Amino acid sequence: MSSLVGQPAVDFDLCDADGNARRLDDYQGSWLLMVFHRHLG
């Protein structure tokens, strides 16, 4: 398995906490911090 560190991310879209669709491409050229966590409910 090759390392993907430093490689561009694949464009994807997700819904934010308010249910609005957000695309990674919308933030091109800006700094963006993404935090992913698994819901343990």
PDB file of N, CA and C in Angstrom:
ATOM      1  N   MET A   1       0.852  -1.170   0.000  1.00  0.00           N
ATOM      2  CA  MET A   1       0.000   0.000   0.000  1.00  0.00           C
ATOM      3  C   MET A   1       0.901   1.237   0.000  1.00  0.00           C
ATOM      4  N   SER A   2       0.688   2.118  -0.940  1.00  0.00           N
ATOM      5  CA  SER A   2       1.507   3.319  -1.025  1.00  0.00           C
ATOM      6  C   SER A   2       0.958   4.411  -0.113  1.00  0.00           C
ATOM      7  N   SER A   3       1.845   5.283   0.306  1.00  0.00           N
ATOM      8  CA  SER A   3       1.453   6.393   1.182  1.00  0.00           C
ATOM      9  C   SER A   3       0.749   7.477   0.373  1.00  0.00           C
ATOM     10  N   LEU A   4      -0.318   8.002   0.899  1.00  0.00           N
ATOM     11  CA  LEU A   4      -1.063   9.074   0.241  1.00  0.00           C
ATOM     12  C   LEU A   4      -0.766  10.432   0.866  1.00  0.00           C
ATOM     13  N   VAL A   5       0.136  10.469   1.848  1.00  0.00           N
ATOM     14  CA  VAL A   5       0.483  11.717   2.505  1.00  0.00           C
ATOM     15  C   VAL A   5       1.089  12.670   1.486  1.00  0.00           C
ATOM     16  N   GLY A   6       0.583  13.903   1.452  1.00  0.00           N
ATOM     17  CA  GLY A   6       1.080  14.910   0.534  1.00  0.00           C
ATOM     18  C   GLY A   6       0.440  14.883  -0.836  1.00  0.00           C
ATOM     19  N   GLN A   7      -0.456  13.924  -1.072  1.00  0.00           N
ATOM     20  CA  GLN A   7      -1.144  13.822  -2.349  1.00  0.00           C
ATOM     21  C   GLN A   7      -2.466  14.587  -2.286  1.00  0.00           C
ATOM     22  N   PRO A   8      -2.923  15.125  -3.413  1.00  0.00           N
ATOM     23  CA  PRO A   8      -4.222  15.810  -3.419  1.00  0.00           C
ATOM     24  C   PRO A   8      -5.358  14.839  -3.074  1.00  0.00           C
ATOM     25  N   ALA A   9      -6.325  15.347  -2.347  1.00  0.00           N
ATOM     26  CA  ALA A   9      -7.490  14.528  -1.986  1.00  0.00           C
ATOM     27  C   ALA A   9      -8.434  14.424  -3.178  1.00  0.00           C
ATOM     28  N   VAL A  10      -9.166  13.345  -3.226  1.00  0.00           N
ATOM     29  CA  VAL A  10     -10.181  13.151  -4.256  1.00  0.00           C
ATOM     30  C   VAL A  10     -11.374  14.038  -3.903  1.00  0.00           C
ATOM     31  N   ASP A  11     -11.977  14.701  -4.890  1.00  0.00           N
ATOM     32  CA  ASP A  11     -13.124  15.558  -4.606  1.00  0.00           C
ATOM     33  C   ASP A  11     -14.288  14.716  -4.086  1.00  0.00           C
ATOM     34  N   PHE A  12     -14.920  15.177  -3.026  1.00  0.00           N
ATOM     35  CA  PHE A  12     -16.073  14.478  -2.458  1.00  0.00           C
ATOM     36  C   PHE A  12     -17.000  15.511  -1.845  1.00  0.00           C
ATOM     37  N   ASP A  13     -18.202  15.092  -1.511  1.00  0.00           N
ATOM     38  CA  ASP A  13     -19.126  15.992  -0.827  1.00  0.00           C
ATOM     39  C   ASP A  13     -19.742  15.284   0.367  1.00  0.00           C
ATOM     40  N   LEU A  14     -20.013  16.060   1.390  1.00  0.00           N
ATOM     41  CA  LEU A  14     -20.624  15.578   2.628  1.00  0.00           C
ATOM     42  C   LEU A  14     -21.597  16.629   3.131  1.00  0.00           C
ATOM     43  N   CYS A  15     -22.489  16.245   4.009  1.00  0.00           N
ATOM     44  CA  CYS A  15     -23.397  17.201   4.638  1.00  0.00           C
ATOM     45  C   CYS A  15     -22.777  17.689   5.937  1.00  0.00           C
ATOM     46  N   ASP A  16     -22.935  18.994   6.207  1.00  0.00           N
ATOM     47  CA  ASP A  16     -22.441  19.542   7.467  1.00  0.00           C
ATOM     48  C   ASP A  16     -23.471  19.303   8.565  1.00  0.00           C
ATOM     49  N   ALA A  17     -23.207  19.826   9.744  1.00  0.00           N
ATOM     50  CA  ALA A  17     -24.088  19.605  10.898  1.00  0.00           C
ATOM     51  C   ALA A  17     -25.488  20.169  10.692  1.00  0.00           C
ATOM     52  N   ASP A  18     -25.627  21.144   9.776  1.00  0.00           N
ATOM     53  CA  ASP A  18     -26.930  21.737   9.491  1.00  0.00           C
ATOM     54  C   ASP A  18     -27.636  21.083   8.309  1.00  0.00           C
ATOM     55  N   GLY A  19     -27.024  20.054   7.731  1.00  0.00           N
ATOM     56  CA  GLY A  19     -27.619  19.347   6.606  1.00  0.00           C
ATOM     57  C   GLY A  19     -27.311  19.957   5.249  1.00  0.00           C
ATOM     58  N   ASN A  20     -26.433  20.959   5.204  1.00  0.00           N
ATOM     59  CA  ASN A  20     -26.058  21.584   3.933  1.00  0.00           C
ATOM     60  C   ASN A  20     -24.936  20.790   3.267  1.00  0.00           C
ATOM     61  N   ALA A  21     -25.058  20.566   1.972  1.00  0.00           N
ATOM     62  CA  ALA A  21     -24.025  19.834   1.239  1.00  0.00           C
ATOM     63  C   ALA A  21     -22.787  20.709   1.098  1.00  0.00           C
ATOM     64  N   ARG A  22     -21.643  20.151   1.413  1.00  0.00           N
ATOM     65  CA  ARG A  22     -20.353  20.832   1.278  1.00  0.00           C
ATOM     66  C   ARG A  22     -19.454  19.978   0.402  1.00  0.00           C
ATOM     67  N   ARG A  23     -18.812  20.622  -0.571  1.00  0.00           N
ATOM     68  CA  ARG A  23     -17.892  19.920  -1.468  1.00  0.00           C
ATOM     69  C   ARG A  23     -16.464  20.337  -1.149  1.00  0.00           C
ATOM     70  N   LEU A  24     -15.558  19.401  -1.230  1.00  0.00           N
ATOM     71  CA  LEU A  24     -14.151  19.709  -1.006  1.00  0.00           C
ATOM     72  C   LEU A  24     -13.672  20.746  -2.007  1.00  0.00           C
ATOM     73  N   ASP A  25     -14.140  20.666  -3.228  1.00  0.00           N
ATOM     74  CA  ASP A  25     -13.735  21.590  -4.282  1.00  0.00           C
ATOM     75  C   ASP A  25     -14.111  23.043  -3.968  1.00  0.00           C
ATOM     76  N   ASP A  26     -15.134  23.252  -3.124  1.00  0.00           N
ATOM     77  CA  ASP A  26     -15.552  24.608  -2.752  1.00  0.00           C
ATOM     78  C   ASP A  26     -14.464  25.344  -1.974  1.00  0.00           C
ATOM     79  N   TYR A  27     -13.543  24.621  -1.387  1.00  0.00           N
ATOM     80  CA  TYR A  27     -12.509  25.210  -0.542  1.00  0.00           C
ATOM     81  C   TYR A  27     -11.138  25.228  -1.219  1.00  0.00           C
ATOM     82  N   GLN A  28     -11.107  24.984  -2.517  1.00  0.00           N
ATOM     83  CA  GLN A  28      -9.838  24.961  -3.237  1.00  0.00           C
ATOM     84  C   GLN A  28      -9.127  26.304  -3.090  1.00  0.00           C
ATOM     85  N   GLY A  29      -7.847  26.262  -2.756  1.00  0.00           N
ATOM     86  CA  GLY A  29      -7.059  27.471  -2.573  1.00  0.00           C
ATOM     87  C   GLY A  29      -7.105  28.025  -1.163  1.00  0.00           C
ATOM     88  N   SER A  30      -7.893  27.400  -0.292  1.00  0.00           N
ATOM     89  CA  SER A  30      -7.998  27.837   1.109  1.00  0.00           C
ATOM     90  C   SER A  30      -7.490  26.727   2.019  1.00  0.00           C
ATOM     91  N   TRP A  31      -7.068  27.120   3.218  1.00  0.00           N
ATOM     92  CA  TRP A  31      -6.718  26.124   4.217  1.00  0.00           C
ATOM     93  C   TRP A  31      -8.003  25.521   4.761  1.00  0.00           C
ATOM     94  N   LEU A  32      -7.996  24.228   4.969  1.00  0.00           N
ATOM     95  CA  LEU A  32      -9.189  23.532   5.457  1.00  0.00           C
ATOM     96  C   LEU A  32      -8.757  22.427   6.404  1.00  0.00           C
ATOM     97  N   LEU A  33      -9.333  22.408   7.588  1.00  0.00           N
ATOM     98  CA  LEU A  33      -9.080  21.352   8.552  1.00  0.00           C
ATOM     99  C   LEU A  33     -10.288  20.437   8.561  1.00  0.00           C
ATOM    100  N   MET A  34     -10.062  19.174   8.257  1.00  0.00           N
ATOM    101  CA  MET A  34     -11.151  18.192   8.271  1.00  0.00           C
ATOM    102  C   MET A  34     -10.898  17.221   9.411  1.00  0.00           C
ATOM    103  N   VAL A  35     -11.939  16.964  10.193  1.00  0.00           N
ATOM    104  CA  VAL A  35     -11.840  16.034  11.302  1.00  0.00           C
ATOM    105  C   VAL A  35     -12.889  14.956  11.093  1.00  0.00           C
ATOM    106  N   PHE A  36     -12.449  13.735  11.037  1.00  0.00           N
ATOM    107  CA  PHE A  36     -13.351  12.598  10.866  1.00  0.00           C
ATOM    108  C   PHE A  36     -13.324  11.767  12.141  1.00  0.00           C
ATOM    109  N   HIS A  37     -14.484  11.365  12.598  1.00  0.00           N
ATOM    110  CA  HIS A  37     -14.543  10.482  13.750  1.00  0.00           C
ATOM    111  C   HIS A  37     -15.711   9.539  13.586  1.00  0.00           C
ATOM    112  N   ARG A  38     -15.586   8.428  14.203  1.00  0.00           N
ATOM    113  CA  ARG A  38     -16.624   7.405  14.134  1.00  0.00           C
ATOM    114  C   ARG A  38     -17.601   7.608  15.284  1.00  0.00           C
ATOM    115  N   HIS A  39     -18.863   7.608  14.966  1.00  0.00           N
ATOM    116  CA  HIS A  39     -19.888   7.751  16.004  1.00  0.00           C
ATOM    117  C   HIS A  39     -19.968   6.440  16.786  1.00  0.00           C
ATOM    118  N   LEU A  40     -19.826   6.540  18.077  1.00  0.00           N
ATOM    119  CA  LEU A  40     -19.816   5.333  18.908  1.00  0.00           C
ATOM    120  C   LEU A  40     -21.092   5.185  19.713  1.00  0.00           C
ATOM    121  N   GLY A  41     -22.208   5.663  19.168  1.00  0.00           N
ATOM    122  CA  GLY A  41     -23.486   5.630  19.864  1.00  0.00           C
ATOM    123  C   GLY A  41     -24.002   4.274  19.943  1.00  0.00           C
TER     124      GLY A  41
END
